[in-house]
Protein backbone atom coordinates (compact mmCIF):
# COMPACT_ATOMS: atom_id res chain seq x y z
CA UNK A 1 87.87 22.68 31.54
CA UNK A 2 90.44 25.07 30.04
CA UNK A 3 93.96 23.63 29.86
CA UNK A 4 97.30 24.30 28.15
CA UNK A 5 98.89 21.26 26.43
CA UNK A 6 102.25 20.57 24.76
CA UNK A 7 101.04 18.65 21.65
CA UNK A 8 104.51 18.36 20.18
CA UNK A 9 107.89 19.58 21.38
CA UNK A 10 108.27 23.26 20.69
CA UNK A 11 104.65 24.20 20.88
CA UNK A 12 101.97 24.87 23.71
CA UNK A 13 98.36 25.73 23.04
CA UNK A 14 95.16 26.32 25.05
CA UNK A 15 92.54 23.80 24.59
CA UNK A 16 89.29 22.38 26.19
CA UNK A 17 89.55 19.04 28.02
CA UNK A 18 87.29 16.92 30.04
CA UNK A 19 87.57 17.44 33.87
CA UNK A 20 89.68 14.43 34.93
CA UNK A 21 88.24 11.74 37.20
CA UNK A 22 90.38 10.87 40.22
CA UNK A 23 91.52 7.24 40.47
CA UNK A 24 90.84 5.32 43.64
CA UNK A 25 93.76 6.73 45.60
CA UNK A 26 93.54 10.20 44.04
CA UNK A 27 92.17 13.64 44.76
CA UNK A 28 90.65 16.03 42.22
CA UNK A 29 91.94 19.60 43.01
CA UNK A 30 90.51 22.78 41.64
CA UNK A 31 93.59 24.84 40.70
CA UNK A 32 94.01 28.30 42.13
CA UNK A 33 97.54 29.01 41.06
CA UNK A 34 100.35 27.09 39.37
CA UNK A 35 104.06 28.05 39.31
CA UNK A 36 105.99 28.17 35.98
CA UNK A 37 109.16 26.10 36.32
CA UNK A 38 112.09 25.92 34.10
CA UNK A 39 111.31 22.06 33.88
CA UNK A 40 108.04 23.13 32.22
CA UNK A 41 110.19 24.97 29.72
CA UNK A 42 112.24 21.73 29.13
CA UNK A 43 108.99 19.77 28.52
CA UNK A 44 107.72 22.38 26.07
CA UNK A 45 110.90 22.54 24.17
CA UNK A 46 111.64 18.83 24.02
CA UNK A 47 114.79 19.02 26.21
CA UNK A 48 113.08 16.28 28.12
CA UNK A 49 111.90 13.40 26.01
CA UNK A 50 108.08 13.17 25.91
CA UNK A 51 106.58 10.80 28.32
CA UNK A 52 103.01 11.58 27.47
CA UNK A 53 101.79 13.34 24.39
CA UNK A 54 99.93 15.65 24.54
CA UNK A 55 100.56 16.58 28.02
CA UNK A 56 99.47 19.41 30.33
CA UNK A 57 102.51 20.80 31.94
CA UNK A 58 102.82 22.18 35.50
CA UNK A 59 103.80 20.79 38.87
CA UNK A 60 103.53 23.57 41.30
CA UNK A 61 99.83 23.74 41.70
CA UNK A 62 97.97 25.03 44.68
CA UNK A 63 94.17 24.42 45.05
CA UNK A 64 91.39 22.86 46.97
CA UNK A 65 89.91 19.47 46.89
CA UNK A 66 86.58 19.00 45.14
CA UNK A 67 86.40 15.14 44.74
CA UNK A 68 88.23 12.09 45.88
CA UNK A 69 88.60 8.38 44.99
CA UNK A 70 87.36 5.83 47.47
CA UNK A 71 90.73 5.04 48.92
CA UNK A 72 92.09 8.59 49.08
CA UNK A 73 92.59 10.38 52.45
CA UNK A 74 90.80 13.67 52.22
CA UNK A 75 92.21 16.65 54.10
CA UNK A 76 90.05 18.72 56.38
CA UNK A 77 87.79 21.47 54.99
CA UNK A 78 89.49 24.60 53.91
CA UNK A 79 92.88 22.96 53.63
CA UNK A 80 94.95 24.20 50.66
CA UNK A 81 96.72 21.36 48.98
CA UNK A 82 99.93 21.36 46.91
CA UNK A 83 100.37 19.18 43.84
CA UNK A 84 104.17 18.63 43.28
CA UNK A 85 106.61 17.27 40.75
CA UNK A 86 106.94 13.76 42.27
CA UNK A 87 103.63 12.06 41.55
CA UNK A 88 104.10 8.35 42.37
CA UNK A 89 106.83 5.92 43.38
CA UNK A 90 106.51 2.15 43.67
CA UNK A 91 107.24 1.71 47.29
CA UNK A 92 108.79 -1.56 46.73
CA UNK A 93 112.22 -1.22 44.90
CA UNK A 94 115.46 -1.04 46.80
CA UNK A 95 115.55 2.76 46.52
CA UNK A 96 112.07 3.21 48.04
CA UNK A 97 112.82 0.81 50.80
CA UNK A 98 116.02 2.59 51.90
CA UNK A 99 114.53 6.04 51.86
CA UNK A 100 115.59 7.14 48.37
CA UNK A 101 112.33 7.18 46.55
CA UNK A 102 113.57 9.99 44.44
CA UNK A 103 115.64 7.37 42.69
CA UNK A 104 112.78 4.92 42.12
CA UNK A 105 113.04 3.56 38.52
CA UNK A 106 109.18 3.49 38.35
CA UNK A 107 108.70 7.09 39.56
CA UNK A 108 106.03 9.31 37.85
CA UNK A 109 106.03 13.13 37.54
CA UNK A 110 103.19 15.64 37.26
CA UNK A 111 103.27 17.52 34.11
CA UNK A 112 105.42 14.85 32.40
CA UNK A 113 104.12 11.45 32.97
CA UNK A 114 100.57 12.77 33.86
CA UNK A 115 98.64 15.94 33.18
CA UNK A 116 99.68 18.76 35.51
CA UNK A 117 98.54 22.18 36.81
CA UNK A 118 98.24 24.34 33.75
CA UNK A 119 94.63 23.54 33.87
CA UNK A 120 91.46 24.36 35.91
CA UNK A 121 91.49 20.89 37.56
CA UNK A 122 94.32 18.37 38.32
CA UNK A 123 94.43 14.99 39.97
CA UNK A 124 97.03 14.00 42.46
CA UNK A 125 97.71 10.70 44.49
CA UNK A 126 96.70 11.70 48.00
CA UNK A 127 99.87 10.16 49.49
CA UNK A 128 101.95 12.60 47.33
CA UNK A 129 100.02 15.74 47.90
CA UNK A 130 101.24 18.39 50.51
CA UNK A 131 99.09 20.26 53.05
CA UNK A 132 100.30 23.92 52.84
CA UNK A 133 101.28 26.31 55.64
CA UNK A 134 99.07 29.33 56.42
CA UNK A 135 100.14 32.91 56.14
CA UNK A 136 100.87 32.77 52.38
CA UNK A 137 98.93 33.71 49.42
CA UNK A 138 98.26 31.06 46.77
CA UNK A 139 100.77 32.42 44.33
CA UNK A 140 103.49 32.70 47.03
CA UNK A 141 102.89 28.97 47.90
CA UNK A 142 103.03 27.60 44.27
CA UNK A 143 106.85 27.97 43.75
CA UNK A 144 107.60 26.37 47.07
CA UNK A 145 106.33 23.03 45.73
CA UNK A 146 109.20 22.56 43.23
CA UNK A 147 111.55 25.47 43.17
CA UNK A 148 111.69 25.56 47.05
CA UNK A 149 111.73 21.83 47.64
CA UNK A 150 114.38 21.02 44.97
CA UNK A 151 116.52 23.90 46.20
CA UNK A 152 116.25 22.57 49.74
CA UNK A 153 117.54 19.20 48.63
CA UNK A 154 120.26 20.81 46.55
CA UNK A 155 121.32 22.69 49.63
CA UNK A 156 121.38 19.48 51.64
CA UNK A 157 123.43 17.73 48.88
CA UNK A 158 126.06 20.61 48.98
CA UNK A 159 126.90 19.82 52.57
CA UNK A 160 127.43 23.38 53.50
CA UNK A 161 129.08 23.58 56.86
CA UNK A 162 127.55 25.77 59.60
CA UNK A 163 128.27 29.44 58.94
CA UNK A 164 129.91 28.36 55.55
CA UNK A 165 130.45 30.29 52.36
CA UNK A 166 127.92 29.22 49.63
CA UNK A 167 128.16 30.14 45.95
CA UNK A 168 124.90 30.18 43.94
CA UNK A 169 125.26 30.01 40.11
CA UNK A 170 122.11 31.37 38.34
CA UNK A 171 119.36 33.12 40.43
CA UNK A 172 115.90 32.28 39.27
CA UNK A 173 112.95 30.80 41.03
CA UNK A 174 114.63 28.04 42.97
CA UNK A 175 117.89 29.94 43.65
CA UNK A 176 116.28 32.96 45.26
CA UNK A 177 114.26 30.74 47.79
CA UNK A 178 117.33 28.60 48.60
CA UNK A 179 119.40 31.67 49.19
CA UNK A 180 116.89 32.77 51.87
CA UNK A 181 116.99 29.44 53.65
CA UNK A 182 120.86 29.32 53.59
CA UNK A 183 121.06 32.95 54.92
CA UNK A 184 118.56 32.02 57.66
CA UNK A 185 120.75 29.21 58.62
CA UNK A 186 123.76 31.56 58.97
CA UNK A 187 125.58 31.05 55.64
CA UNK A 188 127.37 33.70 53.78
CA UNK A 189 125.93 33.72 50.24
CA UNK A 190 127.66 34.86 47.15
CA UNK A 191 125.45 34.89 44.04
CA UNK A 192 126.87 34.61 40.43
CA UNK A 193 124.40 35.25 37.58
CA UNK A 194 124.33 37.06 34.26
CA UNK A 195 121.07 39.00 34.98
CA UNK A 196 121.60 42.38 36.44
CA UNK A 197 118.11 42.29 37.83
CA UNK A 198 118.68 39.08 39.60
CA UNK A 199 121.85 40.42 41.03
CA UNK A 200 119.99 43.41 42.58
CA UNK A 201 117.40 40.94 43.97
CA UNK A 202 120.08 38.86 45.44
CA UNK A 203 121.51 41.80 47.30
CA UNK A 204 118.13 42.85 48.49
CA UNK A 205 117.56 39.38 49.99
CA UNK A 206 120.85 39.53 51.95
CA UNK A 207 123.58 37.97 49.68
CA UNK A 208 127.05 39.14 50.67
CA UNK A 209 127.96 39.71 47.06
CA UNK A 210 126.39 39.46 43.54
CA UNK A 211 128.52 39.24 40.27
CA UNK A 212 128.46 37.83 36.82
CA UNK A 213 128.29 34.00 36.50
CA UNK A 214 131.89 33.71 35.09
CA UNK A 215 133.36 35.95 37.81
CA UNK A 216 135.26 34.74 40.73
CA UNK A 217 133.54 35.03 43.97
CA UNK A 218 135.30 37.38 46.54
CA UNK A 219 136.44 34.38 48.67
CA UNK A 220 136.76 30.71 48.27
CA UNK A 221 133.47 28.77 48.61
CA UNK A 222 132.78 25.89 51.01
CA UNK A 223 129.95 24.78 48.77
CA UNK A 224 128.20 25.82 45.68
CA UNK A 225 124.91 25.08 43.88
CA UNK A 226 124.47 25.28 40.27
CA UNK A 227 120.91 26.28 39.21
CA UNK A 228 121.62 27.53 35.69
CA UNK A 229 121.29 24.67 33.19
CA UNK A 230 124.64 25.51 31.71
CA UNK A 231 127.36 22.85 31.70
CA UNK A 232 130.15 25.52 31.11
CA UNK A 233 129.62 26.72 34.60
CA UNK A 234 130.68 23.41 36.16
CA UNK A 235 134.41 23.95 35.92
CA UNK A 236 133.94 27.64 36.80
CA UNK A 237 132.13 26.58 39.93
CA UNK A 238 134.61 23.88 40.84
CA UNK A 239 137.53 26.24 40.44
CA UNK A 240 135.93 28.58 43.00
CA UNK A 241 135.71 25.86 45.70
CA UNK A 242 137.84 25.75 48.70
CA UNK A 243 139.56 22.40 49.50
CA UNK A 244 136.88 19.81 50.48
CA UNK A 245 134.16 21.76 48.89
CA UNK A 246 131.09 20.40 47.14
CA UNK A 247 129.26 21.51 44.06
CA UNK A 248 125.67 20.42 43.83
CA UNK A 249 123.92 20.55 40.40
CA UNK A 250 120.25 21.16 40.93
CA UNK A 251 118.71 20.96 37.46
CA UNK A 252 116.97 18.00 35.71
CA UNK A 253 118.62 19.24 32.49
CA UNK A 254 122.21 20.44 31.87
CA UNK A 255 124.10 21.25 28.63
CA UNK A 256 127.26 19.34 28.07
CA UNK A 257 130.00 19.77 30.67
CA UNK A 258 133.51 20.59 29.20
CA UNK A 259 136.49 18.49 30.09
CA UNK A 260 137.74 18.95 33.60
CA UNK A 261 141.42 19.23 34.82
CA UNK A 262 141.98 16.87 37.74
CA UNK A 263 144.35 19.33 39.61
CA UNK A 264 142.58 22.45 38.51
CA UNK A 265 138.97 21.40 39.26
CA UNK A 266 138.85 18.22 41.53
CA UNK A 267 142.05 17.76 43.48
CA UNK A 268 142.07 18.59 47.24
CA UNK A 269 138.90 16.52 47.61
CA UNK A 270 136.52 18.89 45.76
CA UNK A 271 133.28 16.98 44.91
CA UNK A 272 130.58 17.46 42.26
CA UNK A 273 127.11 15.83 42.96
CA UNK A 274 123.73 15.80 41.05
CA UNK A 275 120.34 16.24 42.52
CA UNK A 276 117.57 14.01 41.21
CA UNK A 277 113.97 15.19 42.13
CA UNK A 278 113.16 14.93 45.85
CA UNK A 279 111.67 12.66 48.44
CA UNK A 280 108.42 13.45 50.15
CA UNK A 281 110.39 13.90 53.41
CA UNK A 282 112.32 16.68 51.62
CA UNK A 283 109.09 18.34 51.01
CA UNK A 284 107.63 17.97 54.49
CA UNK A 285 110.93 19.42 56.03
CA UNK A 286 110.98 22.37 53.68
CA UNK A 287 107.30 23.24 54.17
CA UNK A 288 107.71 22.97 57.86
CA UNK A 289 110.62 25.40 57.68
CA UNK A 290 108.51 27.69 55.49
CA UNK A 291 105.79 27.68 58.19
CA UNK A 292 108.31 28.55 60.92
CA UNK A 293 110.37 31.13 59.02
CA UNK A 294 108.52 33.01 56.20
CA UNK A 295 110.17 32.53 52.81
CA UNK A 296 109.48 35.48 50.60
CA UNK A 297 108.89 34.42 46.99
CA UNK A 298 109.43 37.18 44.47
CA UNK A 299 106.44 36.54 42.15
CA UNK A 300 105.71 37.78 38.78
CA UNK A 301 102.01 36.86 38.29
CA UNK A 302 100.49 35.85 34.83
CA UNK A 303 96.77 35.33 34.08
CA UNK A 304 96.06 31.82 33.11
CA UNK A 305 95.50 32.82 29.58
CA UNK A 306 99.10 33.96 29.21
CA UNK A 307 100.96 30.74 30.17
CA UNK A 308 102.63 30.75 26.63
CA UNK A 309 104.02 34.22 27.43
CA UNK A 310 105.07 33.29 30.81
CA UNK A 311 107.22 30.47 29.31
CA UNK A 312 108.62 32.77 26.62
CA UNK A 313 109.56 35.22 29.33
CA UNK A 314 111.24 32.61 31.36
CA UNK A 315 113.28 31.33 28.39
CA UNK A 316 114.48 34.83 27.72
CA UNK A 317 115.39 35.63 31.33
CA UNK A 318 112.69 38.34 31.55
CA UNK A 319 111.20 36.89 34.84
CA UNK A 320 112.67 38.26 38.03
CA UNK A 321 112.04 35.57 40.80
CA UNK A 322 109.36 33.30 39.82
CA UNK A 323 106.30 33.35 37.30
CA UNK A 324 103.02 32.02 38.59
CA UNK A 325 99.83 31.38 36.63
CA UNK A 326 96.74 32.70 38.49
CA UNK A 327 93.24 31.48 37.94
CA UNK A 328 90.23 33.68 37.70
CA UNK A 329 88.09 33.32 40.90
């Protein structure tokens, strides 16, 4: 099969690999589309330490089951399956047992610990795959599998009150999906991002305002989510929070955070929280919401052979919405 691999940090190249064989509890999926996530960029560039080398990146794969291990539950015929970021958890540690499997110290991730979806075929443990809602094209579903799910968890972690004022810092793949969920729930959304194209998209999607990332929002915020991997924006966002507000940091990687002033940034019970991966329940809840209320992913498609260009465009902020690799039929 054709696949893209990261042989060493800083490089990605297309190669021929054997079609993988599913383990006893795994499914083999023929990939039809795969989202290009900023985490893939961190894997390529070495911002995340290599867990497998070389590795096939990609953890937003949509496809169909073509083979299964003897202990894997196989979905019904014609069901599209999603291969997400969270690949395995142990099921036995204290975090798994109390419903926080996203914190499992033995967790494994698609496209980092195991080969991912930048390939014609990918394996996935059946218990961690998602059955996907109807009414969406493959390339619209792909970004829901990480950008959508992680954004949903970040929104929950932000503890936005009903009808509250939400600030979103950075407006790429995950942010533009999360904004739609928040607006559908009745929130007033203010977007702060350096990209003029992203600001225009935010207004088109129903944001109340869209300004530069370092600008003050037009009103104090009840909650904020930082999607941009820029630590300098943490004090900026905290300073924009109203009393009792929460800043949720959605990324797996963030540059260093400058020093914070207690009175200026944290006093009056302002809170900062990180987001670590997601649970399967997060994914099921989000995909159920996507089935009930259509979430419009703004997609920039790339042919499979241009995965390297898609990552370069993402790094340079040339992608409006989300980039998705499409496979030839």
